Each structure stands twice: as structure tokens, then as C-alpha cells.
Protein backbone atom coordinates (compact mmCIF):
# COMPACT_ATOMS: atom_id res chain seq x y z
CA MET A 1 19.34 -28.25 6.08
CA THR A 2 20.14 -28.57 9.72
CA ASP A 3 17.36 -26.28 10.60
CA LEU A 4 14.65 -28.45 9.09
CA HIS A 5 11.90 -30.17 11.05
CA TRP A 6 11.83 -33.78 9.97
CA ILE A 7 8.75 -36.02 10.37
CA ALA A 8 8.52 -39.72 10.08
CA ALA A 9 6.63 -41.00 7.24
CA GLY A 10 6.84 -44.79 6.92
CA ASP A 11 10.34 -45.82 5.75
CA TYR A 12 11.44 -42.17 5.11
CA GLN A 13 11.65 -38.77 6.82
CA LEU A 14 10.11 -35.81 5.23
CA ALA A 15 10.64 -31.96 5.85
CA LEU A 16 9.43 -28.81 4.27
CA ASP A 17 12.31 -26.60 3.03
CA GLY A 18 10.94 -23.23 2.12
CA THR A 19 8.15 -24.43 -0.34
CA THR A 20 9.87 -27.69 -1.35
CA ILE A 21 9.24 -31.20 0.29
CA THR A 22 12.54 -32.92 1.08
CA ALA A 23 13.06 -36.70 2.08
CA LYS A 24 15.66 -38.61 3.52
CA ASN A 25 15.98 -42.35 3.86
CA ALA A 26 16.45 -44.67 6.94
CA LYS A 27 20.11 -44.08 6.85
CA GLY A 28 19.79 -40.35 7.16
CA ARG A 29 20.68 -39.56 3.44
CA VAL A 30 18.85 -36.90 1.77
CA LEU A 31 17.28 -37.90 -1.38
CA LYS A 32 17.28 -36.02 -4.64
CA THR A 33 13.56 -36.51 -5.12
CA VAL A 34 10.80 -37.83 -2.83
CA PRO A 35 10.08 -41.46 -3.60
CA ALA A 36 6.75 -42.46 -4.74
CA LYS A 37 6.29 -44.67 -1.68
CA ALA A 38 6.74 -41.64 0.64
CA LYS A 39 4.18 -39.60 -1.48
CA LYS A 40 1.39 -42.10 -0.45
CA THR A 41 1.72 -41.34 3.11
CA PRO A 42 -0.57 -38.99 5.07
CA GLU A 43 2.31 -37.19 6.42
CA TYR A 44 3.27 -36.33 2.80
CA GLU A 45 -0.22 -35.14 2.12
CA GLN A 46 -0.13 -32.98 5.14
CA LEU A 47 3.15 -31.33 4.12
CA ASN A 48 1.88 -31.05 0.61
CA ASN A 49 -1.15 -28.90 1.79
CA CYS A 50 1.11 -26.88 3.84
CA ARG A 51 3.30 -26.46 0.84
CA ILE A 52 0.48 -25.22 -1.40
CA TYR A 53 -0.65 -22.84 1.36
CA LEU A 54 2.90 -21.26 1.60
CA GLU A 55 3.19 -20.96 -2.11
CA GLN A 56 0.00 -19.04 -2.37
CA HIS A 57 0.87 -17.03 0.74
CA GLN A 58 4.25 -16.13 -0.88
CA LYS A 59 2.41 -14.95 -4.25
CA GLU A 60 0.07 -12.93 -2.18
CA CYS A 61 2.87 -11.16 -0.19
CA LEU A 62 4.74 -10.32 -3.44
CA ARG A 63 1.45 -9.05 -5.11
CA GLN A 64 0.79 -6.81 -2.19
CA VAL A 65 4.25 -5.39 -1.95
CA SER A 66 4.45 -4.92 -5.59
CA GLU A 67 0.97 -3.07 -5.57
CA TRP A 68 2.32 -0.76 -2.90
CA PHE A 69 5.53 -0.21 -5.03
CA LEU A 70 3.76 0.50 -8.51
CA LYS A 71 1.01 2.48 -7.17
CA GLY A 72 3.32 4.58 -4.82
CA LEU A 73 1.12 3.87 -1.81
CA PRO A 74 2.13 4.85 1.59
CA VAL A 75 2.91 1.66 3.80
CA PRO A 76 2.40 2.15 7.59
CA VAL A 77 5.35 1.27 9.66
CA LEU A 78 3.12 -0.62 12.01
CA VAL A 79 2.16 -2.99 9.12
CA VAL A 80 5.72 -3.57 8.19
CA SER A 81 6.65 -4.18 12.02
CA GLU A 82 3.78 -6.83 12.23
CA VAL A 83 4.50 -8.80 9.12
CA TRP A 84 8.29 -8.74 9.35
CA PRO A 85 8.70 -11.93 11.60
CA ASP A 86 6.97 -13.88 8.62
CA PRO A 87 9.98 -14.76 6.71
CA LEU A 88 7.85 -14.64 3.22
CA TRP A 89 6.66 -11.06 4.18
CA ARG A 90 10.10 -10.09 5.19
CA ALA A 91 11.87 -11.54 2.01
CA CYS A 92 9.42 -8.95 0.05
CA PHE A 93 10.41 -5.99 2.30
CA GLU A 94 14.06 -6.57 3.16
CA ASN A 95 16.76 -4.49 1.40
CA LEU A 96 14.11 -2.35 -0.53
CA VAL A 97 15.12 1.28 -0.70
CA VAL A 98 12.34 2.98 1.26
CA CYS A 99 11.51 6.77 1.84
CA VAL A 100 10.30 7.86 5.35
CA THR A 101 7.28 9.82 4.60
CA ALA A 102 7.64 12.24 7.56
CA THR A 103 11.21 13.17 7.28
CA GLY A 104 12.04 12.27 3.55
CA ASP A 105 14.96 10.18 4.85
CA THR A 106 15.89 7.37 2.23
CA GLY A 107 17.73 4.02 3.01
CA LEU A 108 17.89 0.29 2.58
CA LEU A 109 15.45 -1.43 4.94
CA ARG A 110 17.62 -3.76 6.84
CA ASP A 111 15.85 -4.89 9.94
CA VAL A 112 12.82 -4.14 12.25
CA SER A 113 13.67 -4.60 15.79
CA ASP A 114 13.41 -2.80 19.22
CA GLY A 115 10.39 -1.01 18.06
CA HIS A 116 12.07 0.65 15.03
CA LEU A 117 12.71 0.26 11.38
CA HIS A 118 16.43 0.20 10.76
CA LEU A 119 17.70 1.65 7.47
CA ALA A 120 21.01 2.14 5.91
CA ASP A 121 21.90 5.41 3.96
CA LEU A 122 24.36 5.61 1.12
CA ASP A 123 27.05 6.41 3.65
CA GLY A 124 26.46 3.28 5.49
CA GLU A 125 24.93 5.06 8.54
CA GLU A 126 21.90 3.91 10.23
CA ILE A 127 18.54 5.58 10.12
CA THR A 128 15.94 4.51 12.87
CA VAL A 129 12.24 4.99 12.17
CA PRO A 130 9.92 4.43 15.40
CA VAL A 131 7.13 2.10 14.70
CA ASP A 132 4.07 4.23 15.54
CA GLU A 133 0.45 4.63 14.49
CA SER A 134 1.18 7.71 12.28
CA GLY A 135 4.53 6.69 10.65
CA SER A 136 4.71 5.41 7.12
CA ILE A 137 7.15 4.65 4.22
CA THR A 138 6.84 4.50 0.43
CA ILE A 139 8.79 2.37 -1.97
CA PRO A 140 10.10 4.71 -4.62
CA HIS A 141 10.38 3.63 -8.29
CA PRO A 142 13.99 3.39 -9.52
CA ALA A 143 13.05 5.76 -12.39
CA ILE A 144 12.64 8.48 -9.80
CA ILE A 145 15.19 7.47 -7.36
CA ALA A 146 18.17 10.08 -7.09
CA ASP A 147 21.62 8.55 -7.45
CA ILE A 148 20.09 5.18 -8.61
CA ALA A 149 23.59 4.10 -9.71
CA ASP A 150 24.96 5.00 -6.26
CA TRP A 151 22.29 2.76 -4.74
CA ARG A 152 22.81 -0.06 -6.95
CA GLU A 153 26.60 -0.18 -6.29
CA PHE A 154 25.84 0.02 -2.47
CA ALA A 155 23.46 -3.00 -2.76
CA ALA A 156 26.11 -4.82 -4.67
CA GLU A 157 28.81 -4.20 -2.24
CA LEU A 158 26.46 -5.15 0.57
CA GLY A 159 25.57 -8.47 -1.47
CA VAL A 160 21.88 -7.97 -0.93
CA SER A 161 18.95 -9.29 -2.79
CA GLN A 162 15.57 -7.93 -3.04
CA GLY A 163 12.28 -9.99 -3.10
CA VAL A 164 10.51 -7.30 -5.24
CA ASP A 165 12.49 -6.18 -8.14
CA GLN A 166 13.24 -2.51 -7.43
CA LEU A 167 16.83 -1.37 -7.36
CA PHE A 168 18.09 -3.39 -10.50
CA ARG A 169 14.65 -3.18 -12.35
CA ASP A 170 15.05 -2.22 -16.14
CA ILE A 171 14.46 1.55 -16.52
CA TYR A 172 13.43 3.12 -19.67
CA VAL A 173 13.52 6.98 -20.12
CA LYS A 174 10.97 8.47 -22.38
CA PRO A 175 12.35 10.27 -25.36
CA ASP A 176 12.21 14.03 -25.60
CA ASP A 177 10.72 14.30 -29.17
CA ALA A 178 7.31 13.05 -30.44
CA VAL A 179 8.67 11.13 -33.34
CA SER A 180 10.95 9.05 -31.00
CA ARG A 181 8.05 8.46 -28.64
CA GLN A 182 5.72 7.38 -31.54
CA ARG A 183 8.48 5.03 -32.80
CA ALA A 184 8.99 3.64 -29.30
CA VAL A 185 5.18 2.53 -28.69
CA ARG A 186 5.14 1.11 -32.24
CA ALA A 187 8.40 -0.86 -32.03
CA TYR A 188 6.79 -4.37 -31.17
CA THR A 189 4.25 -4.59 -34.02
CA ASP A 190 6.22 -7.13 -35.92
CA GLY A 191 6.25 -9.41 -32.79
CA ARG A 192 4.70 -12.87 -33.55
CA TYR A 193 4.35 -15.96 -31.49
CA GLU A 194 3.80 -19.25 -33.23
CA LYS A 195 1.08 -20.15 -30.65
CA ALA A 196 -1.21 -17.65 -29.21
CA GLN A 197 -1.36 -19.61 -25.90
CA VAL A 198 2.27 -19.11 -25.43
CA LEU A 199 1.86 -15.42 -25.72
CA ILE A 200 -0.95 -15.49 -23.20
CA GLY A 201 0.98 -17.78 -20.85
CA ARG A 202 4.22 -15.73 -21.00
CA SER A 203 2.42 -12.46 -20.25
CA ARG A 204 0.56 -13.83 -17.46
CA GLY A 205 3.47 -15.49 -16.02
CA GLY A 206 5.15 -11.97 -16.06
CA GLY A 207 2.44 -10.77 -13.73
CA PHE A 208 0.43 -8.96 -16.12
CA THR A 209 -3.20 -8.85 -16.67
CA THR A 210 -3.98 -10.82 -19.91
CA THR A 211 -6.83 -11.26 -22.18
CA MET A 212 -7.13 -12.48 -25.84
CA GLN A 213 -6.73 -8.97 -26.88
CA GLU A 214 -4.42 -7.20 -24.61
CA VAL A 215 -1.77 -7.28 -21.88
CA SER A 216 -2.24 -4.52 -19.40
CA LEU A 217 -0.90 -3.11 -16.11
CA ILE A 218 -2.00 -0.47 -13.78
CA VAL A 219 0.30 2.19 -12.41
CA VAL A 220 -0.32 5.23 -10.09
CA GLU A 221 2.08 8.16 -10.39
CA ASP A 222 1.61 11.40 -8.66
CA GLY A 223 -1.69 10.07 -7.59
CA VAL A 224 -3.05 9.67 -11.16
CA GLU A 225 -4.01 6.02 -12.16
CA VAL A 226 -2.96 5.10 -15.72
CA ARG A 227 -3.65 1.84 -17.40
CA ILE A 228 -0.95 0.63 -19.64
CA SER A 229 -2.26 -1.54 -22.64
CA LEU A 230 -0.20 -3.59 -25.27
CA ASP A 231 -2.58 -4.80 -27.97
CA ILE A 232 -2.24 -8.37 -28.91
CA ASP A 233 -4.31 -10.66 -31.23
CA ALA A 234 -4.52 -14.01 -29.49
CA TRP A 235 -7.93 -15.29 -29.85
CA ASP A 236 -7.21 -19.00 -31.13
CA PRO A 237 -4.77 -20.68 -28.70
CA TRP A 238 -3.54 -23.00 -31.36
CA GLU A 239 -2.95 -20.34 -34.02
CA ASP A 240 -0.28 -17.65 -34.06
CA GLY A 241 -0.51 -14.57 -31.69
CA THR A 242 0.67 -11.18 -32.73
CA ILE A 243 1.50 -8.21 -30.85
CA GLY A 244 0.39 -4.63 -31.42
CA GLU A 245 0.89 -1.09 -30.33
CA LEU A 246 1.58 0.15 -26.65
CA SER A 247 -1.04 2.69 -25.47
CA PHE A 248 -1.73 4.68 -22.07
CA TYR A 249 -5.20 5.40 -20.71
CA GLN A 250 -6.33 7.78 -17.96
CA ASP A 251 -9.99 7.66 -16.85
CA GLY A 252 -10.81 5.48 -19.90
CA GLN A 253 -9.28 8.15 -22.31
CA SER A 254 -6.15 7.94 -24.34
CA LEU A 255 -3.42 9.58 -22.64
CA PRO A 256 -1.18 11.71 -24.96
CA LEU A 257 2.38 10.34 -24.85
CA GLU A 258 3.72 13.80 -23.82
CA LYS A 259 1.83 13.52 -20.61
CA VAL A 260 2.96 10.06 -19.63
CA GLY A 261 5.11 10.31 -16.38
CA PRO A 262 8.57 8.67 -16.27
CA ILE A 263 7.33 5.83 -13.99
CA THR A 264 4.47 4.81 -16.15
CA TRP A 265 6.48 5.12 -19.51
CA SER A 266 9.20 2.98 -18.01
CA GLU A 267 6.75 0.15 -16.74
CA GLY A 268 4.98 0.39 -20.08
CA ILE A 269 8.05 -0.17 -22.19
CA ARG A 270 9.32 -2.75 -19.86
CA MET A 271 6.02 -4.77 -20.04
CA ALA A 272 6.15 -4.39 -23.88
CA GLU A 273 9.84 -5.63 -23.94
CA PHE A 274 9.20 -8.73 -21.67
CA VAL A 275 6.29 -9.71 -23.98
CA TYR A 276 8.19 -8.98 -27.14
CA ALA A 277 11.22 -10.95 -25.78
CA GLY A 278 9.17 -14.17 -26.03
CA ARG A 279 8.22 -13.99 -29.60
CA THR A 280 8.95 -16.75 -32.19
CA VAL A 281 12.16 -15.60 -33.86
CA GLU A 282 12.47 -17.06 -37.40
CA SER A 283 16.02 -17.90 -38.84
CA ALA A 284 17.22 -16.33 -42.19
CA GLU A 285 16.37 -19.69 -44.00
CA GLU A 286 12.84 -19.65 -42.71
CA SER A 287 12.16 -16.07 -43.63
CA SER A 288 13.63 -16.27 -46.95
């Protein structure tokens, strides 16, 4: 907390630590919570407004980088360079495995300085990417990253973390046979939530578009947009909610499972697993 900027607020001092307001008393002792008296000061109101803005900005940064990631969109290096000084943007980009569009070079994005993006490859060698108007990078999905195990080990050795869940994201491989594929998309139909509102809340909290009848996600793979849909029945928030089948749609038409790409399949199963994990689990005594 030595780098915090403290402002006087009556008998206390307040500071914004990330997106958390911190207080210390007249003796300089940092308090566990902000006292009610301090919350009534105009300084607290100003900091709280700033906190709300930063939280919204943080969510928008994460949403945008996640969209580039899930839709496989090229990100201009100029954009990365411009937003890098912002710690919230940097937290989303830093340590992602990125691929340089022009050269195919792949590495962990470690820094942006001196007019270059600085990447580290699996050998620990530096790759420099000039910041210019024509350059771009992509953020590959782990389902298609070659040597994913090596990248995970490399990141673990460096002790890095990622603001966007990429390297350590759960990956689900599509079965080769039709029977197993059908079994996979129907594996969640016994899922039940005691309250439908909890089902909706968990799904939205996971970042998925959620209505009373489906949980969905848009993924773009090889330039093709696919809507992934998990059927749910959650019309009455106070009654139970149930989970149905997982489906894939392209241009409004059902996409045969054999045509679903590896990224889209993995993201669909990941979404369904997340929703299913929050279901109400009855004990053996309750179910008997």
C-alpha cells in the first residue's frame, strides 16, 4: 500500500486500492473496513464514483479482449500499444500467448516498450514485433495451440497469471464417433436447480447470454460464426429450473455435430459444464 494516494476525509484518510476503497485512522493504522462516518464524507463519494467507473472499465476491457479471443479476430498492434499503459487493459493482454499475423511467430506477450511488442517463445528467447499500422496479432484458443502442455509448463515456471483465461482454460475434445457426440450434448438433461433464479444468476455470472429458455455463447471459428445454445427451463424464478440439451447453430440453422469445429465444441461443453456444476445435488436420503 506504499504506492497509494491518500486523501484526507474528516478524521480519516482514504485511498483507492485497485477497485477497493481503503481507510486509515488518524494514527496511520490501515483499517479492515471503511468506517460509517468516513462513508458520509464527500471525499468518499468521489472515490466511490471513481471505483464504480474503474469496475465498469475493467469489465469492458475484459469483455473486449475476450471477444477478440473467442472470435479469433486480429488485434492491431497499434491498439495494444495504445492501451498498454492502462493497467486494466494491460492486465487483460499481459502474458497471453499471441500469434503474429505477418510472421506466424508465437509467444507470451510480456511487454510493450520502445515501439515494439516483446514476446517470449518456448525457449525463452525474445521476439520483438514492431508497432506499425499494418501489424496485428491474434489470441489463439488453447484447443488449437500446438504444444499446449509446453506452454502451460512454461507459464507455470515463469509464475505468470492471465487476466483472460486462455492457457489454463478447460479444453474438451470432440469425440470421433457419432454416438459419443450425441451422448455428450445430452449429458446435462438431468440437471435441476432448486430455484430458477439461481440458474439464471450463475449463467449470467459466468459471462454467458442468458434468457429464461437458454444459455448461449457466440464463437467464431475459421471465419464462421456459430451460436452455442444450452436449453434451460427457468420461467418462474421462484420455482425449480432445469437444464436441457446442448445445440449448435449456424445462420439460424442447426449445425450437425460432425461439422462443429474443435474450438466451438470445447467452448460449448465448457459452458454446459459450468452451468451443470451449479445444479442442486440431492443427497441419497432426499432422493430415496
